[in-house]
Amino acid sequence: MGVVLELPQGGLQALNVKFANEALRTLCLAYVELGDEFSDVDPIPLKGYTCIAVVGIKDQAAENSGYGSIFTFR
C-alpha cells in the first residue's frame, strides 16, 4: 500500500532524482483541459498540465531473465 507525501523542496524534478537514486521507475498522471477547439490532428499540448499523482515503482527482474535478452537488443 502506498503513502501520500508532500512534494519535496525542488518539486517534481527533485522527486524524479530521488526515485532514480532508489532505482524506481517514475510514472506521472496528469491532465490538461483541451476544450472544443482541439482536434485529433492537432499536436499534443506541451504545457498547462495539472499533476494528479507521481508514483515510484520497484521494477524487479524475473528470476530466470538473465542478461541474454538485454545484450541481444543492444
PDB file of N, CA and C in Angstrom:
ATOM      1  N   MET A   1       0.849  -1.177   0.000  1.00  0.00           N
ATOM      2  CA  MET A   1       0.000   0.000   0.000  1.00  0.00           C
ATOM      3  C   MET A   1       0.884   1.225   0.000  1.00  0.00           C
ATOM      4  N   GLY A   2       0.524   2.214  -0.808  1.00  0.00           N
ATOM      5  CA  GLY A   2       1.303   3.435  -0.929  1.00  0.00           C
ATOM      6  C   GLY A   2       1.017   4.421   0.178  1.00  0.00           C
ATOM      7  N   VAL A   3       1.808   5.480   0.191  1.00  0.00           N
ATOM      8  CA  VAL A   3       1.681   6.537   1.181  1.00  0.00           C
ATOM      9  C   VAL A   3       1.643   7.867   0.446  1.00  0.00           C
ATOM     10  N   VAL A   4       0.751   8.752   0.838  1.00  0.00           N
ATOM     11  CA  VAL A   4       0.660  10.087   0.242  1.00  0.00           C
ATOM     12  C   VAL A   4       1.631  11.004   0.972  1.00  0.00           C
ATOM     13  N   LEU A   5       2.503  11.676   0.197  1.00  0.00           N
ATOM     14  CA  LEU A   5       3.503  12.583   0.759  1.00  0.00           C
ATOM     15  C   LEU A   5       3.452  13.919   0.036  1.00  0.00           C
ATOM     16  N   GLU A   6       3.964  14.958   0.684  1.00  0.00           N
ATOM     17  CA  GLU A   6       4.122  16.260   0.047  1.00  0.00           C
ATOM     18  C   GLU A   6       5.305  16.186  -0.914  1.00  0.00           C
ATOM     19  N   LEU A   7       5.271  17.006  -1.972  1.00  0.00           N
ATOM     20  CA  LEU A   7       6.419  17.090  -2.875  1.00  0.00           C
ATOM     21  C   LEU A   7       7.619  17.637  -2.109  1.00  0.00           C
ATOM     22  N   PRO A   8       8.806  17.085  -2.361  1.00  0.00           N
ATOM     23  CA  PRO A   8       9.996  17.615  -1.687  1.00  0.00           C
ATOM     24  C   PRO A   8      10.350  18.998  -2.232  1.00  0.00           C
ATOM     25  N   GLN A   9      11.194  19.715  -1.487  1.00  0.00           N
ATOM     26  CA  GLN A   9      11.674  21.002  -1.971  1.00  0.00           C
ATOM     27  C   GLN A   9      12.412  20.748  -3.284  1.00  0.00           C
ATOM     28  N   GLY A  10      12.102  21.492  -4.308  1.00  0.00           N
ATOM     29  CA  GLY A  10      12.673  21.253  -5.629  1.00  0.00           C
ATOM     30  C   GLY A  10      11.652  20.670  -6.580  1.00  0.00           C
ATOM     31  N   GLY A  11      10.463  20.330  -6.080  1.00  0.00           N
ATOM     32  CA  GLY A  11       9.344  19.898  -6.915  1.00  0.00           C
ATOM     33  C   GLY A  11       9.523  18.545  -7.593  1.00  0.00           C
ATOM     34  N   LEU A  12       8.911  18.427  -8.773  1.00  0.00           N
ATOM     35  CA  LEU A  12       8.890  17.152  -9.496  1.00  0.00           C
ATOM     36  C   LEU A  12      10.283  16.700  -9.923  1.00  0.00           C
ATOM     37  N   GLN A  13      11.143  17.644 -10.283  1.00  0.00           N
ATOM     38  CA  GLN A  13      12.487  17.271 -10.702  1.00  0.00           C
ATOM     39  C   GLN A  13      13.242  16.623  -9.539  1.00  0.00           C
ATOM     40  N   ALA A  14      13.132  17.177  -8.352  1.00  0.00           N
ATOM     41  CA  ALA A  14      13.793  16.607  -7.178  1.00  0.00           C
ATOM     42  C   ALA A  14      13.216  15.229  -6.851  1.00  0.00           C
ATOM     43  N   LEU A  15      11.910  15.084  -7.012  1.00  0.00           N
ATOM     44  CA  LEU A  15      11.278  13.793  -6.749  1.00  0.00           C
ATOM     45  C   LEU A  15      11.754  12.746  -7.752  1.00  0.00           C
ATOM     46  N   ASN A  16      11.873  13.133  -9.007  1.00  0.00           N
ATOM     47  CA  ASN A  16      12.348  12.214 -10.040  1.00  0.00           C
ATOM     48  C   ASN A  16      13.776  11.746  -9.743  1.00  0.00           C
ATOM     49  N   VAL A  17      14.630  12.662  -9.297  1.00  0.00           N
ATOM     50  CA  VAL A  17      16.007  12.307  -8.928  1.00  0.00           C
ATOM     51  C   VAL A  17      15.999  11.349  -7.733  1.00  0.00           C
ATOM     52  N   LYS A  18      15.143  11.620  -6.755  1.00  0.00           N
ATOM     53  CA  LYS A  18      15.041  10.746  -5.577  1.00  0.00           C
ATOM     54  C   LYS A  18      14.626   9.338  -5.994  1.00  0.00           C
ATOM     55  N   PHE A  19      13.622   9.232  -6.843  1.00  0.00           N
ATOM     56  CA  PHE A  19      13.179   7.914  -7.316  1.00  0.00           C
ATOM     57  C   PHE A  19      14.280   7.225  -8.112  1.00  0.00           C
ATOM     58  N   ALA A  20      14.988   7.967  -8.948  1.00  0.00           N
ATOM     59  CA  ALA A  20      16.069   7.381  -9.743  1.00  0.00           C
ATOM     60  C   ALA A  20      17.177   6.853  -8.834  1.00  0.00           C
ATOM     61  N   ASN A  21      17.501   7.582  -7.784  1.00  0.00           N
ATOM     62  CA  ASN A  21      18.532   7.141  -6.838  1.00  0.00           C
ATOM     63  C   ASN A  21      18.128   5.881  -6.087  1.00  0.00           C
ATOM     64  N   GLU A  22      16.833   5.629  -5.995  1.00  0.00           N
ATOM     65  CA  GLU A  22      16.324   4.419  -5.341  1.00  0.00           C
ATOM     66  C   GLU A  22      15.990   3.329  -6.359  1.00  0.00           C
ATOM     67  N   ALA A  23      16.409   3.520  -7.620  1.00  0.00           N
ATOM     68  CA  ALA A  23      16.178   2.566  -8.714  1.00  0.00           C
ATOM     69  C   ALA A  23      14.685   2.299  -8.921  1.00  0.00           C
ATOM     70  N   LEU A  24      13.881   3.355  -8.834  1.00  0.00           N
ATOM     71  CA  LEU A  24      12.442   3.236  -9.059  1.00  0.00           C
ATOM     72  C   LEU A  24      12.084   3.832 -10.418  1.00  0.00           C
ATOM     73  N   ARG A  25      11.140   3.203 -11.103  1.00  0.00           N
ATOM     74  CA  ARG A  25      10.585   3.819 -12.308  1.00  0.00           C
ATOM     75  C   ARG A  25       9.612   4.892 -11.858  1.00  0.00           C
ATOM     76  N   THR A  26       9.541   5.979 -12.589  1.00  0.00           N
ATOM     77  CA  THR A  26       8.669   7.086 -12.226  1.00  0.00           C
ATOM     78  C   THR A  26       7.526   7.191 -13.221  1.00  0.00           C
ATOM     79  N   LEU A  27       6.304   7.169 -12.711  1.00  0.00           N
ATOM     80  CA  LEU A  27       5.115   7.371 -13.533  1.00  0.00           C
ATOM     81  C   LEU A  27       4.385   8.604 -13.013  1.00  0.00           C
ATOM     82  N   CYS A  28       3.929   9.445 -13.926  1.00  0.00           N
ATOM     83  CA  CYS A  28       3.202  10.649 -13.547  1.00  0.00           C
ATOM     84  C   CYS A  28       1.853  10.647 -14.246  1.00  0.00           C
ATOM     85  N   LEU A  29       0.801  10.907 -13.497  1.00  0.00           N
ATOM     86  CA  LEU A  29      -0.544  11.029 -14.047  1.00  0.00           C
ATOM     87  C   LEU A  29      -0.917  12.506 -14.039  1.00  0.00           C
ATOM     88  N   ALA A  30      -1.248  13.032 -15.219  1.00  0.00           N
ATOM     89  CA  ALA A  30      -1.579  14.452 -15.341  1.00  0.00           C
ATOM     90  C   ALA A  30      -2.666  14.630 -16.394  1.00  0.00           C
ATOM     91  N   TYR A  31      -3.315  15.785 -16.354  1.00  0.00           N
ATOM     92  CA  TYR A  31      -4.324  16.080 -17.366  1.00  0.00           C
ATOM     93  C   TYR A  31      -4.244  17.546 -17.768  1.00  0.00           C
ATOM     94  N   VAL A  32      -4.853  17.845 -18.930  1.00  0.00           N
ATOM     95  CA  VAL A  32      -4.964  19.217 -19.400  1.00  0.00           C
ATOM     96  C   VAL A  32      -6.336  19.367 -20.055  1.00  0.00           C
ATOM     97  N   GLU A  33      -6.983  20.489 -19.805  1.00  0.00           N
ATOM     98  CA  GLU A  33      -8.269  20.778 -20.438  1.00  0.00           C
ATOM     99  C   GLU A  33      -8.009  21.181 -21.885  1.00  0.00           C
ATOM    100  N   LEU A  34      -8.595  20.471 -22.840  1.00  0.00           N
ATOM    101  CA  LEU A  34      -8.343  20.744 -24.254  1.00  0.00           C
ATOM    102  C   LEU A  34      -9.379  21.666 -24.879  1.00  0.00           C
ATOM    103  N   GLY A  35     -10.595  21.639 -24.405  1.00  0.00           N
ATOM    104  CA  GLY A  35     -11.625  22.490 -24.971  1.00  0.00           C
ATOM    105  C   GLY A  35     -12.184  21.934 -26.265  1.00  0.00           C
ATOM    106  N   ASP A  36     -13.161  22.611 -26.813  1.00  0.00           N
ATOM    107  CA  ASP A  36     -13.848  22.146 -28.022  1.00  0.00           C
ATOM    108  C   ASP A  36     -13.037  22.368 -29.300  1.00  0.00           C
ATOM    109  N   GLU A  37     -12.078  23.278 -29.277  1.00  0.00           N
ATOM    110  CA  GLU A  37     -11.338  23.601 -30.492  1.00  0.00           C
ATOM    111  C   GLU A  37     -10.245  22.582 -30.833  1.00  0.00           C
ATOM    112  N   PHE A  38      -9.960  21.645 -29.940  1.00  0.00           N
ATOM    113  CA  PHE A  38      -8.906  20.647 -30.180  1.00  0.00           C
ATOM    114  C   PHE A  38      -9.416  19.550 -31.099  1.00  0.00           C
ATOM    115  N   SER A  39      -8.582  19.143 -32.063  1.00  0.00           N
ATOM    116  CA  SER A  39      -8.961  18.023 -32.931  1.00  0.00           C
ATOM    117  C   SER A  39      -7.862  16.974 -32.888  1.00  0.00           C
ATOM    118  N   ASP A  40      -8.156  15.792 -33.418  1.00  0.00           N
ATOM    119  CA  ASP A  40      -7.196  14.686 -33.356  1.00  0.00           C
ATOM    120  C   ASP A  40      -5.989  14.892 -34.272  1.00  0.00           C
ATOM    121  N   VAL A  41      -6.007  15.905 -35.115  1.00  0.00           N
ATOM    122  CA  VAL A  41      -4.855  16.188 -35.974  1.00  0.00           C
ATOM    123  C   VAL A  41      -3.941  17.262 -35.369  1.00  0.00           C
ATOM    124  N   ASP A  42      -4.392  17.931 -34.300  1.00  0.00           N
ATOM    125  CA  ASP A  42      -3.576  18.935 -33.612  1.00  0.00           C
ATOM    126  C   ASP A  42      -2.474  18.241 -32.807  1.00  0.00           C
ATOM    127  N   PRO A  43      -1.315  18.908 -32.647  1.00  0.00           N
ATOM    128  CA  PRO A  43      -0.269  18.322 -31.798  1.00  0.00           C
ATOM    129  C   PRO A  43      -0.704  18.309 -30.336  1.00  0.00           C
ATOM    130  N   ILE A  44      -0.179  17.360 -29.584  1.00  0.00           N
ATOM    131  CA  ILE A  44      -0.492  17.266 -28.158  1.00  0.00           C
ATOM    132  C   ILE A  44       0.140  18.465 -27.450  1.00  0.00           C
ATOM    133  N   PRO A  45      -0.611  19.151 -26.572  1.00  0.00           N
ATOM    134  CA  PRO A  45      -0.058  20.313 -25.862  1.00  0.00           C
ATOM    135  C   PRO A  45       1.157  19.927 -25.010  1.00  0.00           C
ATOM    136  N   LEU A  46       2.131  20.825 -24.931  1.00  0.00           N
ATOM    137  CA  LEU A  46       3.333  20.590 -24.133  1.00  0.00           C
ATOM    138  C   LEU A  46       3.285  21.296 -22.781  1.00  0.00           C
ATOM    139  N   LYS A  47       2.323  22.212 -22.577  1.00  0.00           N
ATOM    140  CA  LYS A  47       2.242  22.986 -21.342  1.00  0.00           C
ATOM    141  C   LYS A  47       0.812  22.984 -20.825  1.00  0.00           C
ATOM    142  N   GLY A  48       0.659  23.391 -19.554  1.00  0.00           N
ATOM    143  CA  GLY A  48      -0.652  23.592 -18.976  1.00  0.00           C
ATOM    144  C   GLY A  48      -1.247  22.377 -18.279  1.00  0.00           C
ATOM    145  N   TYR A  49      -0.454  21.356 -18.016  1.00  0.00           N
ATOM    146  CA  TYR A  49      -0.952  20.143 -17.365  1.00  0.00           C
ATOM    147  C   TYR A  49      -1.073  20.331 -15.863  1.00  0.00           C
ATOM    148  N   THR A  50      -2.006  19.612 -15.258  1.00  0.00           N
ATOM    149  CA  THR A  50      -2.157  19.554 -13.817  1.00  0.00           C
ATOM    150  C   THR A  50      -1.723  18.168 -13.367  1.00  0.00           C
ATOM    151  N   CYS A  51      -0.739  18.113 -12.472  1.00  0.00           N
ATOM    152  CA  CYS A  51      -0.231  16.840 -11.970  1.00  0.00           C
ATOM    153  C   CYS A  51      -1.199  16.295 -10.924  1.00  0.00           C
ATOM    154  N   ILE A  52      -1.618  15.046 -11.102  1.00  0.00           N
ATOM    155  CA  ILE A  52      -2.527  14.407 -10.166  1.00  0.00           C
ATOM    156  C   ILE A  52      -1.761  13.491  -9.220  1.00  0.00           C
ATOM    157  N   ALA A  53      -0.822  12.723  -9.760  1.00  0.00           N
ATOM    158  CA  ALA A  53      -0.072  11.775  -8.931  1.00  0.00           C
ATOM    159  C   ALA A  53       1.268  11.446  -9.572  1.00  0.00           C
ATOM    160  N   VAL A  54       2.250  11.158  -8.721  1.00  0.00           N
ATOM    161  CA  VAL A  54       3.552  10.663  -9.157  1.00  0.00           C
ATOM    162  C   VAL A  54       3.810   9.405  -8.349  1.00  0.00           C
ATOM    163  N   VAL A  55       4.184   8.339  -9.056  1.00  0.00           N
ATOM    164  CA  VAL A  55       4.353   7.047  -8.404  1.00  0.00           C
ATOM    165  C   VAL A  55       5.732   6.495  -8.733  1.00  0.00           C
ATOM    166  N   GLY A  56       6.425   5.971  -7.721  1.00  0.00           N
ATOM    167  CA  GLY A  56       7.689   5.267  -7.925  1.00  0.00           C
ATOM    168  C   GLY A  56       7.427   3.782  -7.830  1.00  0.00           C
ATOM    169  N   ILE A  57       7.847   3.025  -8.846  1.00  0.00           N
ATOM    170  CA  ILE A  57       7.571   1.591  -8.899  1.00  0.00           C
ATOM    171  C   ILE A  57       8.874   0.816  -8.894  1.00  0.00           C
ATOM    172  N   LYS A  58       8.987  -0.139  -7.985  1.00  0.00           N
ATOM    173  CA  LYS A  58      10.145  -1.034  -7.954  1.00  0.00           C
ATOM    174  C   LYS A  58       9.962  -2.045  -9.064  1.00  0.00           C
ATOM    175  N   ASP A  59      10.887  -2.073 -10.019  1.00  0.00           N
ATOM    176  CA  ASP A  59      10.792  -2.942 -11.188  1.00  0.00           C
ATOM    177  C   ASP A  59      11.855  -4.026 -11.076  1.00  0.00           C
ATOM    178  N   GLN A  60      11.502  -5.118 -10.444  1.00  0.00           N
ATOM    179  CA  GLN A  60      12.457  -6.197 -10.231  1.00  0.00           C
ATOM    180  C   GLN A  60      12.475  -7.139 -11.422  1.00  0.00           C
ATOM    181  N   ALA A  61      13.673  -7.588 -11.789  1.00  0.00           N
ATOM    182  CA  ALA A  61      13.815  -8.540 -12.885  1.00  0.00           C
ATOM    183  C   ALA A  61      13.306  -9.912 -12.447  1.00  0.00           C
ATOM    184  N   ALA A  62      12.770 -10.647 -13.402  1.00  0.00           N
ATOM    185  CA  ALA A  62      12.315 -12.011 -13.104  1.00  0.00           C
ATOM    186  C   ALA A  62      13.523 -12.884 -12.777  1.00  0.00           C
ATOM    187  N   GLU A  63      13.313 -13.938 -11.965  1.00  0.00           N
ATOM    188  CA  GLU A  63      14.407 -14.795 -11.527  1.00  0.00           C
ATOM    189  C   GLU A  63      15.184 -15.402 -12.687  1.00  0.00           C
ATOM    190  N   ASN A  64      14.506 -15.855 -13.724  1.00  0.00           N
ATOM    191  CA  ASN A  64      15.156 -16.574 -14.817  1.00  0.00           C
ATOM    192  C   ASN A  64      15.481 -15.688 -16.015  1.00  0.00           C
ATOM    193  N   SER A  65      15.411 -14.363 -15.858  1.00  0.00           N
ATOM    194  CA  SER A  65      15.584 -13.492 -17.018  1.00  0.00           C
ATOM    195  C   SER A  65      17.028 -13.442 -17.511  1.00  0.00           C
ATOM    196  N   GLY A  66      17.999 -13.442 -16.628  1.00  0.00           N
ATOM    197  CA  GLY A  66      19.401 -13.362 -17.045  1.00  0.00           C
ATOM    198  C   GLY A  66      19.684 -12.090 -17.796  1.00  0.00           C
ATOM    199  N   TYR A  67      20.824 -12.037 -18.473  1.00  0.00           N
ATOM    200  CA  TYR A  67      21.198 -10.855 -19.234  1.00  0.00           C
ATOM    201  C   TYR A  67      21.160 -11.093 -20.733  1.00  0.00           C
ATOM    202  N   GLY A  68      20.866 -12.291 -21.188  1.00  0.00           N
ATOM    203  CA  GLY A  68      20.889 -12.615 -22.600  1.00  0.00           C
ATOM    204  C   GLY A  68      20.022 -11.722 -23.447  1.00  0.00           C
ATOM    205  N   SER A  69      18.813 -11.454 -23.018  1.00  0.00           N
ATOM    206  CA  SER A  69      17.911 -10.629 -23.819  1.00  0.00           C
ATOM    207  C   SER A  69      18.361  -9.175 -23.847  1.00  0.00           C
ATOM    208  N   ILE A  70      19.022  -8.709 -22.804  1.00  0.00           N
ATOM    209  CA  ILE A  70      19.499  -7.326 -22.786  1.00  0.00           C
ATOM    210  C   ILE A  70      20.574  -7.133 -23.843  1.00  0.00           C
ATOM    211  N   PHE A  71      21.532  -8.047 -23.906  1.00  0.00           N
ATOM    212  CA  PHE A  71      22.624  -7.919 -24.878  1.00  0.00           C
ATOM    213  C   PHE A  71      22.147  -8.148 -26.298  1.00  0.00           C
ATOM    214  N   THR A  72      21.085  -8.936 -26.485  1.00  0.00           N
ATOM    215  CA  THR A  72      20.558  -9.207 -27.825  1.00  0.00           C
ATOM    216  C   THR A  72      20.056  -7.920 -28.469  1.00  0.00           C
ATOM    217  N   PHE A  73      19.480  -7.019 -27.684  1.00  0.00           N
ATOM    218  CA  PHE A  73      18.870  -5.820 -28.232  1.00  0.00           C
ATOM    219  C   PHE A  73      19.805  -4.622 -28.285  1.00  0.00           C
ATOM    220  N   ARG A  74      21.014  -4.751 -27.785  1.00  0.00           N
ATOM    221  CA  ARG A  74      21.952  -3.609 -27.795  1.00  0.00           C
ATOM    222  C   ARG A  74      22.631  -3.477 -29.115  1.00  0.00           C
TER     223      ARG A  74
END
